[in-house]
Amino acid sequence: MHIATVDLDDTLINTQMYYVDATDSYVEYMNEKFGFEKNSVEQLIKEIDDTLVDSLGLSEERFPTSFARTTETLLQDNNDVDMEYEK
């Protein structure tokens, strides 16, 4: 599914940098703490976020849910991790 949005009042344009910064920080954290390849983490979060568009649309829950589900996916085999903390 492809979605087009129109930002007539420029609110999304002005805040896009925060989404990019949050994603970059998350990717860096997962790389430094757990050794995951940055490109793989970035691709996975994008795939999960794209999938969530079907169920959550453009809601404010979608972005943080994407991070939580990416964390669950990446760390699912690591029993030594406090999953709730990491999410």
N, C-alpha and C. Protein backbone atom coordinates (compact mmCIF):
# COMPACT_ATOMS: atom_id res chain seq x y z
N MET A 1 0.84 -1.17 0.00
CA MET A 1 0.00 0.00 0.00
C MET A 1 0.89 1.23 0.00
N HIS A 2 0.54 2.20 -0.81
CA HIS A 2 1.24 3.47 -0.84
C HIS A 2 0.36 4.54 -0.24
N ILE A 3 0.96 5.39 0.55
CA ILE A 3 0.21 6.46 1.20
C ILE A 3 0.86 7.78 0.83
N ALA A 4 0.03 8.73 0.49
CA ALA A 4 0.53 10.07 0.21
C ALA A 4 -0.09 11.01 1.23
N THR A 5 0.72 11.87 1.80
CA THR A 5 0.21 12.87 2.72
C THR A 5 0.54 14.25 2.18
N VAL A 6 -0.30 15.17 2.50
CA VAL A 6 -0.08 16.56 2.10
C VAL A 6 0.05 17.37 3.37
N ASP A 7 1.14 18.08 3.48
CA ASP A 7 1.44 18.84 4.68
C ASP A 7 1.25 20.33 4.39
N LEU A 8 -0.01 20.74 4.32
CA LEU A 8 -0.31 22.11 3.91
C LEU A 8 0.18 23.16 4.90
N ASP A 9 0.27 22.80 6.17
CA ASP A 9 0.73 23.79 7.15
C ASP A 9 2.18 23.57 7.59
N ASP A 10 2.88 22.68 6.92
CA ASP A 10 4.30 22.41 7.16
C ASP A 10 4.62 21.85 8.54
N THR A 11 3.65 21.29 9.25
CA THR A 11 3.94 20.73 10.57
C THR A 11 4.81 19.48 10.47
N LEU A 12 4.57 18.64 9.49
CA LEU A 12 5.39 17.43 9.35
C LEU A 12 6.79 17.76 8.87
N ILE A 13 6.90 18.70 7.98
CA ILE A 13 8.22 19.08 7.49
C ILE A 13 9.10 19.57 8.65
N ASN A 14 8.52 20.35 9.53
CA ASN A 14 9.28 20.92 10.65
C ASN A 14 9.67 19.89 11.71
N THR A 15 8.98 18.77 11.76
CA THR A 15 9.28 17.78 12.80
C THR A 15 9.97 16.52 12.27
N GLN A 16 10.12 16.39 10.97
CA GLN A 16 10.72 15.19 10.39
C GLN A 16 12.10 14.92 10.96
N MET A 17 12.85 15.97 11.26
CA MET A 17 14.21 15.79 11.78
C MET A 17 14.21 15.04 13.11
N TYR A 18 13.14 15.18 13.90
CA TYR A 18 13.07 14.47 15.18
C TYR A 18 12.90 12.97 14.97
N TYR A 19 12.14 12.58 13.97
CA TYR A 19 11.98 11.17 13.65
C TYR A 19 13.29 10.58 13.14
N VAL A 20 13.97 11.32 12.29
CA VAL A 20 15.26 10.87 11.77
C VAL A 20 16.28 10.76 12.90
N ASP A 21 16.33 11.76 13.76
CA ASP A 21 17.27 11.73 14.90
C ASP A 21 16.98 10.56 15.83
N ALA A 22 15.71 10.30 16.11
CA ALA A 22 15.34 9.19 17.00
C ALA A 22 15.77 7.86 16.38
N THR A 23 15.53 7.71 15.10
CA THR A 23 15.93 6.47 14.42
C THR A 23 17.44 6.31 14.42
N ASP A 24 18.14 7.38 14.11
CA ASP A 24 19.61 7.32 14.11
C ASP A 24 20.16 6.97 15.50
N SER A 25 19.59 7.55 16.54
CA SER A 25 20.04 7.25 17.91
C SER A 25 19.77 5.80 18.27
N TYR A 26 18.61 5.30 17.89
CA TYR A 26 18.26 3.91 18.16
C TYR A 26 19.22 2.96 17.45
N VAL A 27 19.47 3.22 16.17
CA VAL A 27 20.37 2.38 15.38
C VAL A 27 21.76 2.37 16.02
N GLU A 28 22.23 3.53 16.42
CA GLU A 28 23.54 3.65 17.06
C GLU A 28 23.58 2.86 18.38
N TYR A 29 22.53 2.98 19.17
CA TYR A 29 22.44 2.28 20.46
C TYR A 29 22.50 0.76 20.25
N MET A 30 21.70 0.26 19.32
CA MET A 30 21.66 -1.19 19.08
C MET A 30 23.00 -1.70 18.53
N ASN A 31 23.69 -0.85 17.79
CA ASN A 31 25.01 -1.22 17.28
C ASN A 31 26.04 -1.25 18.40
N GLU A 32 26.07 -0.19 19.20
CA GLU A 32 27.08 -0.09 20.25
C GLU A 32 26.85 -1.10 21.38
N LYS A 33 25.61 -1.28 21.79
CA LYS A 33 25.33 -2.14 22.94
C LYS A 33 25.30 -3.63 22.57
N PHE A 34 24.77 -3.95 21.38
CA PHE A 34 24.57 -5.35 21.04
C PHE A 34 25.34 -5.81 19.79
N GLY A 35 25.96 -4.87 19.08
CA GLY A 35 26.76 -5.23 17.92
C GLY A 35 25.99 -5.48 16.64
N PHE A 36 24.73 -5.07 16.58
CA PHE A 36 23.96 -5.26 15.36
C PHE A 36 24.46 -4.29 14.29
N GLU A 37 24.48 -4.76 13.06
CA GLU A 37 24.90 -3.92 11.94
C GLU A 37 23.88 -2.80 11.75
N LYS A 38 24.38 -1.58 11.63
CA LYS A 38 23.51 -0.40 11.55
C LYS A 38 22.51 -0.49 10.41
N ASN A 39 22.97 -0.87 9.24
CA ASN A 39 22.07 -0.94 8.08
C ASN A 39 20.96 -1.96 8.30
N SER A 40 21.27 -3.07 8.95
CA SER A 40 20.27 -4.10 9.21
C SER A 40 19.20 -3.60 10.18
N VAL A 41 19.63 -2.90 11.21
CA VAL A 41 18.69 -2.36 12.19
C VAL A 41 17.80 -1.32 11.52
N GLU A 42 18.40 -0.44 10.75
CA GLU A 42 17.63 0.60 10.07
C GLU A 42 16.61 -0.01 9.10
N GLN A 43 17.01 -1.02 8.37
CA GLN A 43 16.11 -1.68 7.42
C GLN A 43 14.97 -2.38 8.15
N LEU A 44 15.29 -3.06 9.25
CA LEU A 44 14.26 -3.78 10.00
C LEU A 44 13.22 -2.83 10.58
N ILE A 45 13.67 -1.73 11.17
CA ILE A 45 12.70 -0.79 11.74
C ILE A 45 11.82 -0.19 10.65
N LYS A 46 12.39 0.04 9.48
CA LYS A 46 11.60 0.56 8.36
C LYS A 46 10.56 -0.46 7.92
N GLU A 47 10.97 -1.72 7.80
CA GLU A 47 10.04 -2.78 7.39
C GLU A 47 8.90 -2.93 8.39
N ILE A 48 9.23 -2.94 9.67
CA ILE A 48 8.21 -3.08 10.71
C ILE A 48 7.29 -1.86 10.70
N ASP A 49 7.85 -0.68 10.58
CA ASP A 49 7.05 0.54 10.55
C ASP A 49 6.11 0.54 9.34
N ASP A 50 6.61 0.12 8.18
CA ASP A 50 5.77 0.04 6.99
C ASP A 50 4.61 -0.94 7.18
N THR A 51 4.88 -2.05 7.85
CA THR A 51 3.84 -3.03 8.12
C THR A 51 2.78 -2.48 9.07
N LEU A 52 3.21 -1.70 10.04
CA LEU A 52 2.27 -1.14 11.02
C LEU A 52 1.34 -0.09 10.43
N VAL A 53 1.68 0.45 9.28
CA VAL A 53 0.80 1.43 8.64
C VAL A 53 -0.57 0.80 8.39
N ASP A 54 -0.59 -0.49 8.04
CA ASP A 54 -1.86 -1.16 7.78
C ASP A 54 -2.78 -1.16 8.99
N SER A 55 -2.24 -1.38 10.17
CA SER A 55 -3.08 -1.47 11.36
C SER A 55 -3.17 -0.18 12.16
N LEU A 56 -2.12 0.64 12.14
CA LEU A 56 -2.11 1.85 12.97
C LEU A 56 -2.19 3.15 12.16
N GLY A 57 -2.05 3.04 10.85
CA GLY A 57 -2.11 4.24 10.02
C GLY A 57 -1.03 5.23 10.39
N LEU A 58 -1.40 6.49 10.45
CA LEU A 58 -0.45 7.54 10.79
C LEU A 58 -0.59 7.98 12.25
N SER A 59 -1.07 7.08 13.08
CA SER A 59 -1.28 7.40 14.49
C SER A 59 0.03 7.61 15.23
N GLU A 60 -0.05 8.29 16.37
CA GLU A 60 1.16 8.56 17.16
C GLU A 60 1.72 7.31 17.82
N GLU A 61 0.96 6.24 17.88
CA GLU A 61 1.44 4.99 18.47
C GLU A 61 2.37 4.22 17.53
N ARG A 62 2.24 4.46 16.23
CA ARG A 62 2.98 3.65 15.27
C ARG A 62 4.50 3.77 15.44
N PHE A 63 5.02 4.96 15.56
CA PHE A 63 6.47 5.15 15.61
C PHE A 63 7.11 4.45 16.82
N PRO A 64 6.63 4.67 18.05
CA PRO A 64 7.24 3.95 19.18
C PRO A 64 6.99 2.45 19.14
N THR A 65 5.86 2.03 18.59
CA THR A 65 5.58 0.60 18.46
C THR A 65 6.58 -0.05 17.52
N SER A 66 6.99 0.68 16.49
CA SER A 66 7.99 0.15 15.56
C SER A 66 9.31 -0.12 16.27
N PHE A 67 9.71 0.78 17.16
CA PHE A 67 10.95 0.60 17.92
C PHE A 67 10.83 -0.61 18.85
N ALA A 68 9.71 -0.73 19.55
CA ALA A 68 9.53 -1.84 20.49
C ALA A 68 9.55 -3.18 19.76
N ARG A 69 8.86 -3.26 18.63
CA ARG A 69 8.82 -4.52 17.88
C ARG A 69 10.17 -4.85 17.24
N THR A 70 10.89 -3.84 16.83
CA THR A 70 12.23 -4.07 16.30
C THR A 70 13.13 -4.62 17.40
N THR A 71 13.04 -4.05 18.58
CA THR A 71 13.83 -4.51 19.72
C THR A 71 13.48 -5.96 20.05
N GLU A 72 12.19 -6.28 20.09
CA GLU A 72 11.77 -7.66 20.36
C GLU A 72 12.33 -8.62 19.33
N THR A 73 12.29 -8.24 18.08
CA THR A 73 12.78 -9.09 17.00
C THR A 73 14.29 -9.30 17.10
N LEU A 74 15.02 -8.24 17.32
CA LEU A 74 16.48 -8.34 17.36
C LEU A 74 16.97 -9.10 18.59
N LEU A 75 16.29 -8.94 19.71
CA LEU A 75 16.78 -9.52 20.96
C LEU A 75 16.03 -10.77 21.40
N GLN A 76 15.20 -11.31 20.55
CA GLN A 76 14.36 -12.45 20.93
C GLN A 76 15.16 -13.68 21.38
N ASP A 77 16.35 -13.85 20.86
CA ASP A 77 17.15 -15.02 21.23
C ASP A 77 18.15 -14.75 22.34
N ASN A 78 18.13 -13.54 22.88
CA ASN A 78 19.08 -13.15 23.92
C ASN A 78 18.40 -13.20 25.28
N ASN A 79 18.65 -14.27 26.04
CA ASN A 79 18.00 -14.46 27.34
C ASN A 79 18.58 -13.60 28.45
N ASP A 80 19.74 -13.00 28.20
CA ASP A 80 20.40 -12.20 29.22
C ASP A 80 20.01 -10.72 29.18
N VAL A 81 18.96 -10.40 28.44
CA VAL A 81 18.55 -9.01 28.24
C VAL A 81 17.25 -8.75 28.97
N ASP A 82 17.18 -7.61 29.64
CA ASP A 82 15.92 -7.17 30.23
C ASP A 82 15.09 -6.54 29.12
N MET A 83 14.23 -7.35 28.52
CA MET A 83 13.49 -6.92 27.35
C MET A 83 12.61 -5.70 27.62
N GLU A 84 11.99 -5.66 28.78
CA GLU A 84 11.13 -4.52 29.09
C GLU A 84 11.95 -3.23 29.16
N TYR A 85 13.13 -3.30 29.72
CA TYR A 85 14.01 -2.13 29.78
C TYR A 85 14.40 -1.69 28.38
N GLU A 86 14.80 -2.64 27.56
CA GLU A 86 15.27 -2.32 26.22
C GLU A 86 14.14 -1.75 25.35
N LYS A 87 12.94 -2.28 25.52
CA LYS A 87 11.81 -1.72 24.76
C LYS A 87 11.50 -0.32 25.24
